[in-house]
Amino acid sequence: MFKSHKIIGVFLALMLAPLLAHSKEQPADLQPLEEIPPPTIATEGDPDEPEVTIVKKGNGETVEEYRLNGQLYMMKVTPSNGVPYYLHKEDQEGGWTNDGPNPPLSIPKWTIFRF
C-alpha cells in the first residue's frame, strides 16, 4: 500500500511541475518576436502539387501518372483484377528502363496499411 501512495505522489509531482515552472515571473527585458509572413500561395508557373494524368488501358488497367514540373516521377498502376501498386524513380536522372548489362530494378510497392 505504501508503494502505491509513493507512485501517486510522484505522478502528482510530475503533473504539477509544469504549472509551477509557468507561474514564475517573466524577465522585464523580453523582446517580442518578429512577425512571420504567411506562406506563399502556389502559382501556375510554380505548382506545389503534382499534375496527375489518368490513362485507362484497353485491358481494364488504369495508370495514374504523377508529374512535377513536367517530369514524370511516379506511377500508380491499378490492374483490372488486383491490388494497385506504385512505380517511381529513385532520382531525377534515372530512367524507367536501362539497356545496360545490369539494369536497375523498378520494384512495385503495394499499400499495406492506410491510416
PDB file of N, CA and C in Angstrom:
ATOM      1  N   MET A   1       0.825  -1.192   0.000  1.00  0.00           N
ATOM      2  CA  MET A   1       0.000   0.000   0.000  1.00  0.00           C
ATOM      3  C   MET A   1       0.866   1.252   0.000  1.00  0.00           C
ATOM      4  N   PHE A   2       1.985   1.214   0.711  1.00  0.00           N
ATOM      5  CA  PHE A   2       2.883   2.354   0.750  1.00  0.00           C
ATOM      6  C   PHE A   2       3.444   2.650  -0.636  1.00  0.00           C
ATOM      7  N   LYS A   3       3.698   1.583  -1.407  1.00  0.00           N
ATOM      8  CA  LYS A   3       4.267   1.747  -2.738  1.00  0.00           C
ATOM      9  C   LYS A   3       3.297   2.499  -3.662  1.00  0.00           C
ATOM     10  N   SER A   4       2.013   2.199  -3.574  1.00  0.00           N
ATOM     11  CA  SER A   4       1.037   2.871  -4.431  1.00  0.00           C
ATOM     12  C   SER A   4       0.922   4.348  -4.071  1.00  0.00           C
ATOM     13  N   HIS A   5       1.037   4.710  -2.774  1.00  0.00           N
ATOM     14  CA  HIS A   5       1.000   6.114  -2.383  1.00  0.00           C
ATOM     15  C   HIS A   5       2.225   6.849  -2.914  1.00  0.00           C
ATOM     16  N   LYS A   6       3.345   6.175  -2.924  1.00  0.00           N
ATOM     17  CA  LYS A   6       4.575   6.781  -3.436  1.00  0.00           C
ATOM     18  C   LYS A   6       4.453   7.050  -4.936  1.00  0.00           C
ATOM     19  N   ILE A   7       3.873   6.099  -5.669  1.00  0.00           N
ATOM     20  CA  ILE A   7       3.683   6.273  -7.117  1.00  0.00           C
ATOM     21  C   ILE A   7       2.716   7.416  -7.396  1.00  0.00           C
ATOM     22  N   ILE A   8       1.652   7.502  -6.613  1.00  0.00           N
ATOM     23  CA  ILE A   8       0.677   8.589  -6.795  1.00  0.00           C
ATOM     24  C   ILE A   8       1.336   9.931  -6.502  1.00  0.00           C
ATOM     25  N   GLY A   9       2.183   9.998  -5.448  1.00  0.00           N
ATOM     26  CA  GLY A   9       2.877  11.240  -5.124  1.00  0.00           C
ATOM     27  C   GLY A   9       3.814  11.682  -6.225  1.00  0.00           C
ATOM     28  N   VAL A  10       4.547  10.736  -6.807  1.00  0.00           N
ATOM     29  CA  VAL A  10       5.451  11.063  -7.920  1.00  0.00           C
ATOM     30  C   VAL A  10       4.640  11.532  -9.121  1.00  0.00           C
ATOM     31  N   PHE A  11       3.531  10.863  -9.386  1.00  0.00           N
ATOM     32  CA  PHE A  11       2.676  11.241 -10.507  1.00  0.00           C
ATOM     33  C   PHE A  11       2.133  12.660 -10.334  1.00  0.00           C
ATOM     34  N   LEU A  12       1.661  12.986  -9.147  1.00  0.00           N
ATOM     35  CA  LEU A  12       1.145  14.330  -8.901  1.00  0.00           C
ATOM     36  C   LEU A  12       2.252  15.377  -9.010  1.00  0.00           C
ATOM     37  N   ALA A  13       3.439  15.053  -8.532  1.00  0.00           N
ATOM     38  CA  ALA A  13       4.557  15.995  -8.636  1.00  0.00           C
ATOM     39  C   ALA A  13       4.900  16.262 -10.100  1.00  0.00           C
ATOM     40  N   LEU A  14       4.882  15.221 -10.913  1.00  0.00           N
ATOM     41  CA  LEU A  14       5.160  15.404 -12.342  1.00  0.00           C
ATOM     42  C   LEU A  14       4.069  16.216 -13.034  1.00  0.00           C
ATOM     43  N   MET A  15       2.834  16.053 -12.604  1.00  0.00           N
ATOM     44  CA  MET A  15       1.736  16.800 -13.201  1.00  0.00           C
ATOM     45  C   MET A  15       1.761  18.274 -12.790  1.00  0.00           C
ATOM     46  N   LEU A  16       2.205  18.575 -11.576  1.00  0.00           N
ATOM     47  CA  LEU A  16       2.212  19.949 -11.086  1.00  0.00           C
ATOM     48  C   LEU A  16       3.485  20.715 -11.459  1.00  0.00           C
ATOM     49  N   ALA A  17       4.534  20.018 -11.860  1.00  0.00           N
ATOM     50  CA  ALA A  17       5.803  20.680 -12.183  1.00  0.00           C
ATOM     51  C   ALA A  17       5.655  21.716 -13.296  1.00  0.00           C
ATOM     52  N   PRO A  18       4.951  21.441 -14.392  1.00  0.00           N
ATOM     53  CA  PRO A  18       4.807  22.480 -15.424  1.00  0.00           C
ATOM     54  C   PRO A  18       4.050  23.715 -14.926  1.00  0.00           C
ATOM     55  N   LEU A  19       3.079  23.507 -14.042  1.00  0.00           N
ATOM     56  CA  LEU A  19       2.339  24.652 -13.519  1.00  0.00           C
ATOM     57  C   LEU A  19       3.236  25.551 -12.668  1.00  0.00           C
ATOM     58  N   LEU A  20       4.087  24.941 -11.856  1.00  0.00           N
ATOM     59  CA  LEU A  20       4.998  25.722 -11.025  1.00  0.00           C
ATOM     60  C   LEU A  20       6.037  26.448 -11.871  1.00  0.00           C
ATOM     61  N   ALA A  21       6.527  25.797 -12.914  1.00  0.00           N
ATOM     62  CA  ALA A  21       7.514  26.441 -13.783  1.00  0.00           C
ATOM     63  C   ALA A  21       6.890  27.596 -14.556  1.00  0.00           C
ATOM     64  N   HIS A  22       5.629  27.469 -14.916  1.00  0.00           N
ATOM     65  CA  HIS A  22       4.959  28.514 -15.687  1.00  0.00           C
ATOM     66  C   HIS A  22       4.574  29.711 -14.813  1.00  0.00           C
ATOM     67  N   SER A  23       4.449  29.504 -13.517  1.00  0.00           N
ATOM     68  CA  SER A  23       3.990  30.580 -12.640  1.00  0.00           C
ATOM     69  C   SER A  23       5.088  31.578 -12.279  1.00  0.00           C
ATOM     70  N   LYS A  24       6.342  31.347 -12.715  1.00  0.00           N
ATOM     71  CA  LYS A  24       7.412  32.299 -12.437  1.00  0.00           C
ATOM     72  C   LYS A  24       7.143  33.618 -13.159  1.00  0.00           C
ATOM     73  N   GLU A  25       7.667  34.685 -12.591  1.00  0.00           N
ATOM     74  CA  GLU A  25       7.525  35.980 -13.260  1.00  0.00           C
ATOM     75  C   GLU A  25       8.475  36.044 -14.442  1.00  0.00           C
ATOM     76  N   GLN A  26       8.031  36.709 -15.492  1.00  0.00           N
ATOM     77  CA  GLN A  26       8.851  36.815 -16.686  1.00  0.00           C
ATOM     78  C   GLN A  26       9.843  37.961 -16.529  1.00  0.00           C
ATOM     79  N   PRO A  27      11.026  37.836 -17.123  1.00  0.00           N
ATOM     80  CA  PRO A  27      12.008  38.922 -17.046  1.00  0.00           C
ATOM     81  C   PRO A  27      11.476  40.197 -17.698  1.00  0.00           C
ATOM     82  N   ALA A  28      11.944  41.338 -17.209  1.00  0.00           N
ATOM     83  CA  ALA A  28      11.451  42.622 -17.713  1.00  0.00           C
ATOM     84  C   ALA A  28      12.044  42.981 -19.071  1.00  0.00           C
ATOM     85  N   ASP A  29      13.172  42.373 -19.473  1.00  0.00           N
ATOM     86  CA  ASP A  29      13.835  42.769 -20.718  1.00  0.00           C
ATOM     87  C   ASP A  29      13.474  41.862 -21.905  1.00  0.00           C
ATOM     88  N   LEU A  30      12.295  41.265 -21.908  1.00  0.00           N
ATOM     89  CA  LEU A  30      11.888  40.412 -23.027  1.00  0.00           C
ATOM     90  C   LEU A  30      11.588  41.253 -24.268  1.00  0.00           C
ATOM     91  N   GLN A  31      11.969  40.752 -25.422  1.00  0.00           N
ATOM     92  CA  GLN A  31      11.702  41.416 -26.698  1.00  0.00           C
ATOM     93  C   GLN A  31      10.670  40.593 -27.469  1.00  0.00           C
ATOM     94  N   PRO A  32       9.698  41.247 -28.129  1.00  0.00           N
ATOM     95  CA  PRO A  32       8.723  40.478 -28.914  1.00  0.00           C
ATOM     96  C   PRO A  32       9.391  39.890 -30.167  1.00  0.00           C
ATOM     97  N   LEU A  33       8.900  38.745 -30.587  1.00  0.00           N
ATOM     98  CA  LEU A  33       9.416  38.109 -31.795  1.00  0.00           C
ATOM     99  C   LEU A  33       8.938  38.860 -33.027  1.00  0.00           C
ATOM    100  N   GLU A  34       9.725  38.752 -34.104  1.00  0.00           N
ATOM    101  CA  GLU A  34       9.330  39.406 -35.345  1.00  0.00           C
ATOM    102  C   GLU A  34       8.162  38.656 -35.971  1.00  0.00           C
ATOM    103  N   GLU A  35       7.371  39.375 -36.750  1.00  0.00           N
ATOM    104  CA  GLU A  35       6.228  38.773 -37.415  1.00  0.00           C
ATOM    105  C   GLU A  35       6.698  37.828 -38.515  1.00  0.00           C
ATOM    106  N   ILE A  36       6.101  36.669 -38.591  1.00  0.00           N
ATOM    107  CA  ILE A  36       6.429  35.705 -39.630  1.00  0.00           C
ATOM    108  C   ILE A  36       5.413  35.855 -40.752  1.00  0.00           C
ATOM    109  N   PRO A  37       5.881  36.059 -41.989  1.00  0.00           N
ATOM    110  CA  PRO A  37       4.921  36.228 -43.089  1.00  0.00           C
ATOM    111  C   PRO A  37       4.216  34.908 -43.387  1.00  0.00           C
ATOM    112  N   PRO A  38       2.987  34.971 -43.881  1.00  0.00           N
ATOM    113  CA  PRO A  38       2.268  33.739 -44.216  1.00  0.00           C
ATOM    114  C   PRO A  38       2.933  33.047 -45.404  1.00  0.00           C
ATOM    115  N   PRO A  39       2.727  31.741 -45.559  1.00  0.00           N
ATOM    116  CA  PRO A  39       3.336  31.032 -46.684  1.00  0.00           C
ATOM    117  C   PRO A  39       2.771  31.532 -48.006  1.00  0.00           C
ATOM    118  N   THR A  40       3.609  31.473 -49.033  1.00  0.00           N
ATOM    119  CA  THR A  40       3.168  31.929 -50.340  1.00  0.00           C
ATOM    120  C   THR A  40       2.235  30.909 -50.976  1.00  0.00           C
ATOM    121  N   ILE A  41       1.337  31.402 -51.781  1.00  0.00           N
ATOM    122  CA  ILE A  41       0.392  30.542 -52.479  1.00  0.00           C
ATOM    123  C   ILE A  41       0.987  30.192 -53.834  1.00  0.00           C
ATOM    124  N   ALA A  42       0.866  28.926 -54.207  1.00  0.00           N
ATOM    125  CA  ALA A  42       1.440  28.464 -55.473  1.00  0.00           C
ATOM    126  C   ALA A  42       0.751  29.137 -56.653  1.00  0.00           C
ATOM    127  N   THR A  43       1.539  29.402 -57.685  1.00  0.00           N
ATOM    128  CA  THR A  43       1.002  29.984 -58.907  1.00  0.00           C
ATOM    129  C   THR A  43       1.030  28.930 -60.001  1.00  0.00           C
ATOM    130  N   GLU A  44       0.538  29.277 -61.166  1.00  0.00           N
ATOM    131  CA  GLU A  44       0.529  28.347 -62.297  1.00  0.00           C
ATOM    132  C   GLU A  44       1.942  27.956 -62.701  1.00  0.00           C
ATOM    133  N   GLY A  45       2.880  28.865 -62.634  1.00  0.00           N
ATOM    134  CA  GLY A  45       4.248  28.584 -63.044  1.00  0.00           C
ATOM    135  C   GLY A  45       5.036  27.790 -62.016  1.00  0.00           C
ATOM    136  N   ASP A  46       4.582  27.781 -60.753  1.00  0.00           N
ATOM    137  CA  ASP A  46       5.307  27.103 -59.680  1.00  0.00           C
ATOM    138  C   ASP A  46       4.310  26.329 -58.816  1.00  0.00           C
ATOM    139  N   PRO A  47       3.816  25.179 -59.300  1.00  0.00           N
ATOM    140  CA  PRO A  47       2.797  24.450 -58.535  1.00  0.00           C
ATOM    141  C   PRO A  47       3.410  23.704 -57.347  1.00  0.00           C
ATOM    142  N   ASP A  48       2.637  23.614 -56.270  1.00  0.00           N
ATOM    143  CA  ASP A  48       3.054  22.848 -55.095  1.00  0.00           C
ATOM    144  C   ASP A  48       2.612  21.392 -55.205  1.00  0.00           C
ATOM    145  N   GLU A  49       1.562  21.143 -55.973  1.00  0.00           N
ATOM    146  CA  GLU A  49       1.011  19.806 -56.081  1.00  0.00           C
ATOM    147  C   GLU A  49       1.375  19.196 -57.431  1.00  0.00           C
ATOM    148  N   PRO A  50       1.492  17.875 -57.481  1.00  0.00           N
ATOM    149  CA  PRO A  50       1.822  17.237 -58.758  1.00  0.00           C
ATOM    150  C   PRO A  50       0.635  17.269 -59.712  1.00  0.00           C
ATOM    151  N   GLU A  51       0.960  17.204 -60.995  1.00  0.00           N
ATOM    152  CA  GLU A  51      -0.064  17.092 -62.030  1.00  0.00           C
ATOM    153  C   GLU A  51      -0.328  15.605 -62.234  1.00  0.00           C
ATOM    154  N   VAL A  52      -1.578  15.193 -62.142  1.00  0.00           N
ATOM    155  CA  VAL A  52      -1.938  13.778 -62.247  1.00  0.00           C
ATOM    156  C   VAL A  52      -2.685  13.549 -63.551  1.00  0.00           C
ATOM    157  N   THR A  53      -2.191  12.589 -64.343  1.00  0.00           N
ATOM    158  CA  THR A  53      -2.842  12.209 -65.599  1.00  0.00           C
ATOM    159  C   THR A  53      -3.296  10.766 -65.452  1.00  0.00           C
ATOM    160  N   ILE A  54      -4.583  10.514 -65.711  1.00  0.00           N
ATOM    161  CA  ILE A  54      -5.132   9.169 -65.587  1.00  0.00           C
ATOM    162  C   ILE A  54      -5.303   8.590 -66.982  1.00  0.00           C
ATOM    163  N   VAL A  55      -4.684   7.416 -67.206  1.00  0.00           N
ATOM    164  CA  VAL A  55      -4.745   6.737 -68.500  1.00  0.00           C
ATOM    165  C   VAL A  55      -5.406   5.390 -68.281  1.00  0.00           C
ATOM    166  N   LYS A  56      -6.494   5.119 -69.035  1.00  0.00           N
ATOM    167  CA  LYS A  56      -7.179   3.830 -68.953  1.00  0.00           C
ATOM    168  C   LYS A  56      -6.756   3.004 -70.157  1.00  0.00           C
ATOM    169  N   LYS A  57      -6.198   1.827 -69.896  1.00  0.00           N
ATOM    170  CA  LYS A  57      -5.732   0.932 -70.944  1.00  0.00           C
ATOM    171  C   LYS A  57      -6.895   0.054 -71.420  1.00  0.00           C
ATOM    172  N   GLY A  58      -6.714  -0.593 -72.570  1.00  0.00           N
ATOM    173  CA  GLY A  58      -7.748  -1.445 -73.136  1.00  0.00           C
ATOM    174  C   GLY A  58      -8.027  -2.700 -72.325  1.00  0.00           C
ATOM    175  N   ASN A  59      -7.058  -3.165 -71.566  1.00  0.00           N
ATOM    176  CA  ASN A  59      -7.244  -4.382 -70.780  1.00  0.00           C
ATOM    177  C   ASN A  59      -7.879  -4.122 -69.407  1.00  0.00           C
ATOM    178  N   GLY A  60      -8.380  -2.923 -69.177  1.00  0.00           N
ATOM    179  CA  GLY A  60      -9.020  -2.591 -67.910  1.00  0.00           C
ATOM    180  C   GLY A  60      -8.070  -2.020 -66.876  1.00  0.00           C
ATOM    181  N   GLU A  61      -6.793  -1.921 -67.213  1.00  0.00           N
ATOM    182  CA  GLU A  61      -5.790  -1.392 -66.291  1.00  0.00           C
ATOM    183  C   GLU A  61      -5.829   0.133 -66.307  1.00  0.00           C
ATOM    184  N   THR A  62      -5.663   0.745 -65.135  1.00  0.00           N
ATOM    185  CA  THR A  62      -5.627   2.202 -65.021  1.00  0.00           C
ATOM    186  C   THR A  62      -4.259   2.615 -64.516  1.00  0.00           C
ATOM    187  N   VAL A  63      -3.656   3.605 -65.192  1.00  0.00           N
ATOM    188  CA  VAL A  63      -2.348   4.118 -64.795  1.00  0.00           C
ATOM    189  C   VAL A  63      -2.502   5.597 -64.480  1.00  0.00           C
ATOM    190  N   GLU A  64      -2.113   5.972 -63.253  1.00  0.00           N
ATOM    191  CA  GLU A  64      -2.106   7.380 -62.861  1.00  0.00           C
ATOM    192  C   GLU A  64      -0.660   7.851 -62.894  1.00  0.00           C
ATOM    193  N   GLU A  65      -0.379   8.861 -63.731  1.00  0.00           N
ATOM    194  CA  GLU A  65       0.983   9.387 -63.875  1.00  0.00           C
ATOM    195  C   GLU A  65       1.099  10.679 -63.080  1.00  0.00           C
ATOM    196  N   TYR A  66       2.085  10.758 -62.222  1.00  0.00           N
ATOM    197  CA  TYR A  66       2.314  11.934 -61.379  1.00  0.00           C
ATOM    198  C   TYR A  66       3.525  12.688 -61.918  1.00  0.00           C
ATOM    199  N   ARG A  67       3.315  13.960 -62.265  1.00  0.00           N
ATOM    200  CA  ARG A  67       4.382  14.796 -62.812  1.00  0.00           C
ATOM    201  C   ARG A  67       4.546  16.037 -61.946  1.00  0.00           C
ATOM    202  N   LEU A  68       5.801  16.436 -61.785  1.00  0.00           N
ATOM    203  CA  LEU A  68       6.131  17.674 -61.090  1.00  0.00           C
ATOM    204  C   LEU A  68       7.091  18.432 -61.979  1.00  0.00           C
ATOM    205  N   ASN A  69       6.726  19.649 -62.351  1.00  0.00           N
ATOM    206  CA  ASN A  69       7.491  20.463 -63.298  1.00  0.00           C
ATOM    207  C   ASN A  69       7.685  19.736 -64.621  1.00  0.00           C
ATOM    208  N   GLY A  70       6.672  18.998 -65.056  1.00  0.00           N
ATOM    209  CA  GLY A  70       6.724  18.294 -66.331  1.00  0.00           C
ATOM    210  C   GLY A  70       7.488  16.990 -66.305  1.00  0.00           C
ATOM    211  N   GLN A  71       8.090  16.627 -65.186  1.00  0.00           N
ATOM    212  CA  GLN A  71       8.882  15.400 -65.076  1.00  0.00           C
ATOM    213  C   GLN A  71       8.035  14.302 -64.430  1.00  0.00           C
ATOM    214  N   LEU A  72       7.939  13.158 -65.115  1.00  0.00           N
ATOM    215  CA  LEU A  72       7.224  12.014 -64.572  1.00  0.00           C
ATOM    216  C   LEU A  72       8.090  11.377 -63.489  1.00  0.00           C
ATOM    217  N   TYR A  73       7.559  11.277 -62.259  1.00  0.00           N
ATOM    218  CA  TYR A  73       8.354  10.729 -61.163  1.00  0.00           C
ATOM    219  C   TYR A  73       7.701   9.528 -60.483  1.00  0.00           C
ATOM    220  N   MET A  74       6.395   9.304 -60.717  1.00  0.00           N
ATOM    221  CA  MET A  74       5.730   8.179 -60.068  1.00  0.00           C
ATOM    222  C   MET A  74       4.521   7.769 -60.893  1.00  0.00           C
ATOM    223  N   MET A  75       4.214   6.461 -60.845  1.00  0.00           N
ATOM    224  CA  MET A  75       3.018   5.931 -61.490  1.00  0.00           C
ATOM    225  C   MET A  75       2.292   5.006 -60.519  1.00  0.00           C
ATOM    226  N   LYS A  76       0.981   5.129 -60.479  1.00  0.00           N
ATOM    227  CA  LYS A  76       0.148   4.202 -59.715  1.00  0.00           C
ATOM    228  C   LYS A  76      -0.580   3.343 -60.738  1.00  0.00           C
ATOM    229  N   VAL A  77      -0.338   2.042 -60.679  1.00  0.00           N
ATOM    230  CA  VAL A  77      -0.942   1.114 -61.625  1.00  0.00           C
ATOM    231  C   VAL A  77      -2.026   0.339 -60.894  1.00  0.00           C
ATOM    232  N   THR A  78      -3.254   0.410 -61.415  1.00  0.00           N
ATOM    233  CA  THR A  78      -4.374  -0.329 -60.848  1.00  0.00           C
ATOM    234  C   THR A  78      -4.809  -1.367 -61.872  1.00  0.00           C
ATOM    235  N   PRO A  79      -4.430  -2.646 -61.674  1.00  0.00           N
ATOM    236  CA  PRO A  79      -4.848  -3.676 -62.610  1.00  0.00           C
ATOM    237  C   PRO A  79      -6.353  -3.919 -62.516  1.00  0.00           C
ATOM    238  N   SER A  80      -6.925  -4.511 -63.568  1.00  0.00           N
ATOM    239  CA  SER A  80      -8.364  -4.770 -63.550  1.00  0.00           C
ATOM    240  C   SER A  80      -8.721  -5.803 -62.484  1.00  0.00           C
ATOM    241  N   ASN A  81      -7.835  -6.774 -62.261  1.00  0.00           N
ATOM    242  CA  ASN A  81      -8.084  -7.804 -61.247  1.00  0.00           C
ATOM    243  C   ASN A  81      -6.908  -7.836 -60.280  1.00  0.00           C
ATOM    244  N   GLY A  82      -6.825  -6.906 -59.385  1.00  0.00           N
ATOM    245  CA  GLY A  82      -5.715  -6.956 -58.446  1.00  0.00           C
ATOM    246  C   GLY A  82      -5.615  -5.716 -57.596  1.00  0.00           C
ATOM    247  N   VAL A  83      -4.534  -5.678 -56.845  1.00  0.00           N
ATOM    248  CA  VAL A  83      -4.266  -4.597 -55.907  1.00  0.00           C
ATOM    249  C   VAL A  83      -3.413  -3.539 -56.597  1.00  0.00           C
ATOM    250  N   PRO A  84      -3.708  -2.256 -56.407  1.00  0.00           N
ATOM    251  CA  PRO A  84      -2.869  -1.209 -57.015  1.00  0.00           C
ATOM    252  C   PRO A  84      -1.442  -1.251 -56.469  1.00  0.00           C
ATOM    253  N   TYR A  85      -0.491  -0.864 -57.313  1.00  0.00           N
ATOM    254  CA  TYR A  85       0.902  -0.766 -56.888  1.00  0.00           C
ATOM    255  C   TYR A  85       1.511   0.487 -57.489  1.00  0.00           C
ATOM    256  N   TYR A  86       2.657   0.906 -56.948  1.00  0.00           N
ATOM    257  CA  TYR A  86       3.307   2.155 -57.329  1.00  0.00           C
ATOM    258  C   TYR A  86       4.676   1.871 -57.933  1.00  0.00           C
ATOM    259  N   LEU A  87       5.035   2.610 -58.966  1.00  0.00           N
ATOM    260  CA  LEU A  87       6.369   2.607 -59.540  1.00  0.00           C
ATOM    261  C   LEU A  87       6.890   4.034 -59.465  1.00  0.00           C
ATOM    262  N   HIS A  88       8.138   4.208 -59.069  1.00  0.00           N
ATOM    263  CA  HIS A  88       8.687   5.565 -59.015  1.00  0.00           C
ATOM    264  C   HIS A  88      10.165   5.541 -59.342  1.00  0.00           C
ATOM    265  N   LYS A  89      10.676   6.692 -59.699  1.00  0.00           N
ATOM    266  CA  LYS A  89      12.099   6.849 -59.992  1.00  0.00           C
ATOM    267  C   LYS A  89      12.841   7.089 -58.688  1.00  0.00           C
ATOM    268  N   GLU A  90      14.032   6.507 -58.599  1.00  0.00           N
ATOM    269  CA  GLU A  90      14.840   6.718 -57.406  1.00  0.00           C
ATOM    270  C   GLU A  90      15.492   8.093 -57.405  1.00  0.00           C
ATOM    271  N   ASP A  91      15.791   8.652 -58.589  1.00  0.00           N
ATOM    272  CA  ASP A  91      16.341  10.002 -58.695  1.00  0.00           C
ATOM    273  C   ASP A  91      15.861  10.621 -60.004  1.00  0.00           C
ATOM    274  N   GLN A  92      16.147  11.914 -60.182  1.00  0.00           N
ATOM    275  CA  GLN A  92      15.654  12.624 -61.363  1.00  0.00           C
ATOM    276  C   GLN A  92      16.318  12.162 -62.643  1.00  0.00           C
ATOM    277  N   GLU A  93      17.565  11.748 -62.565  1.00  0.00           N
ATOM    278  CA  GLU A  93      18.309  11.358 -63.756  1.00  0.00           C
ATOM    279  C   GLU A  93      18.017   9.930 -64.188  1.00  0.00           C
ATOM    280  N   GLY A  94      17.469   9.116 -63.305  1.00  0.00           N
ATOM    281  CA  GLY A  94      17.221   7.710 -63.608  1.00  0.00           C
ATOM    282  C   GLY A  94      16.072   7.546 -64.578  1.00  0.00           C
ATOM    283  N   GLY A  95      16.137   6.471 -65.357  1.00  0.00           N
ATOM    284  CA  GLY A  95      15.067   6.166 -66.293  1.00  0.00           C
ATOM    285  C   GLY A  95      14.246   4.997 -65.795  1.00  0.00           C
ATOM    286  N   TRP A  96      13.147   4.742 -66.476  1.00  0.00           N
ATOM    287  CA  TRP A  96      12.310   3.616 -66.102  1.00  0.00           C
ATOM    288  C   TRP A  96      12.957   2.294 -66.520  1.00  0.00           C
ATOM    289  N   THR A  97      13.690   2.318 -67.626  1.00  0.00           N
ATOM    290  CA  THR A  97      14.370   1.103 -68.080  1.00  0.00           C
ATOM    291  C   THR A  97      15.807   1.451 -68.422  1.00  0.00           C
ATOM    292  N   ASN A  98      16.667   0.436 -68.426  1.00  0.00           N
ATOM    293  CA  ASN A  98      18.079   0.634 -68.741  1.00  0.00           C
ATOM    294  C   ASN A  98      18.519  -0.531 -69.608  1.00  0.00           C
ATOM    295  N   ASP A  99      19.203  -0.259 -70.725  1.00  0.00           N
ATOM    296  CA  ASP A  99      19.642  -1.303 -71.638  1.00  0.00           C
ATOM    297  C   ASP A  99      21.011  -1.850 -71.281  1.00  0.00           C
ATOM    298  N   GLY A 100      21.617  -1.404 -70.182  1.00  0.00           N
ATOM    299  CA  GLY A 100      22.955  -1.841 -69.804  1.00  0.00           C
ATOM    300  C   GLY A 100      22.971  -3.278 -69.317  1.00  0.00           C
ATOM    301  N   PRO A 101      24.171  -3.769 -68.963  1.00  0.00           N
ATOM    302  CA  PRO A 101      24.279  -5.159 -68.526  1.00  0.00           C
ATOM    303  C   PRO A 101      23.592  -5.440 -67.186  1.00  0.00           C
ATOM    304  N   ASN A 102      23.527  -4.452 -66.321  1.00  0.00           N
ATOM    305  CA  ASN A 102      22.864  -4.618 -65.019  1.00  0.00           C
ATOM    306  C   ASN A 102      21.754  -3.579 -64.885  1.00  0.00           C
ATOM    307  N   PRO A 103      20.601  -3.845 -65.470  1.00  0.00           N
ATOM    308  CA  PRO A 103      19.538  -2.837 -65.396  1.00  0.00           C
ATOM    309  C   PRO A 103      19.026  -2.690 -63.963  1.00  0.00           C
ATOM    310  N   PRO A 104      18.724  -1.460 -63.545  1.00  0.00           N
ATOM    311  CA  PRO A 104      18.173  -1.278 -62.198  1.00  0.00           C
ATOM    312  C   PRO A 104      16.748  -1.808 -62.154  1.00  0.00           C
ATOM    313  N   LEU A 105      16.365  -2.313 -61.012  1.00  0.00           N
ATOM    314  CA  LEU A 105      15.020  -2.836 -60.854  1.00  0.00           C
ATOM    315  C   LEU A 105      14.071  -1.718 -60.462  1.00  0.00           C
ATOM    316  N   SER A 106      12.913  -1.702 -61.062  1.00  0.00           N
ATOM    317  CA  SER A 106      11.851  -0.802 -60.649  1.00  0.00           C
ATOM    318  C   SER A 106      10.862  -1.658 -59.868  1.00  0.00           C
ATOM    319  N   ILE A 107      10.956  -1.613 -58.562  1.00  0.00           N
ATOM    320  CA  ILE A 107      10.212  -2.519 -57.701  1.00  0.00           C
ATOM    321  C   ILE A 107       8.822  -1.955 -57.439  1.00  0.00           C
ATOM    322  N   PRO A 108       7.787  -2.735 -57.697  1.00  0.00           N
ATOM    323  CA  PRO A 108       6.444  -2.263 -57.352  1.00  0.00           C
ATOM    324  C   PRO A 108       6.275  -2.176 -55.848  1.00  0.00           C
ATOM    325  N   LYS A 109       5.506  -1.199 -55.391  1.00  0.00           N
ATOM    326  CA  LYS A 109       5.276  -1.024 -53.964  1.00  0.00           C
ATOM    327  C   LYS A 109       3.779  -1.056 -53.723  1.00  0.00           C
ATOM    328  N   TRP A 110       3.324  -1.942 -52.845  1.00  0.00           N
ATOM    329  CA  TRP A 110       1.923  -2.073 -52.531  1.00  0.00           C
ATOM    330  C   TRP A 110       1.619  -1.354 -51.227  1.00  0.00           C
ATOM    331  N   THR A 111       0.422  -0.823 -51.109  1.00  0.00           N
ATOM    332  CA  THR A 111      -0.033  -0.196 -49.871  1.00  0.00           C
ATOM    333  C   THR A 111      -0.513  -1.291 -48.940  1.00  0.00           C
ATOM    334  N   ILE A 112       0.149  -1.450 -47.793  1.00  0.00           N
ATOM    335  CA  ILE A 112      -0.210  -2.492 -46.847  1.00  0.00           C
ATOM    336  C   ILE A 112      -1.185  -1.943 -45.809  1.00  0.00           C
ATOM    337  N   PHE A 113      -0.857  -0.792 -45.230  1.00  0.00           N
ATOM    338  CA  PHE A 113      -1.713  -0.158 -44.257  1.00  0.00           C
ATOM    339  C   PHE A 113      -2.033   1.242 -44.732  1.00  0.00           C
ATOM    340  N   ARG A 114      -3.245   1.686 -44.497  1.00  0.00           N
ATOM    341  CA  ARG A 114      -3.643   3.052 -44.808  1.00  0.00           C
ATOM    342  C   ARG A 114      -4.336   3.609 -43.573  1.00  0.00           C
ATOM    343  N   PHE A 115      -3.894   4.791 -43.130  1.00  0.00           N
ATOM    344  CA  PHE A 115      -4.428   5.384 -41.913  1.00  0.00           C
ATOM    345  C   PHE A 115      -5.436   6.443 -42.252  1.00  0.00           C
TER     346      PHE A 115
END
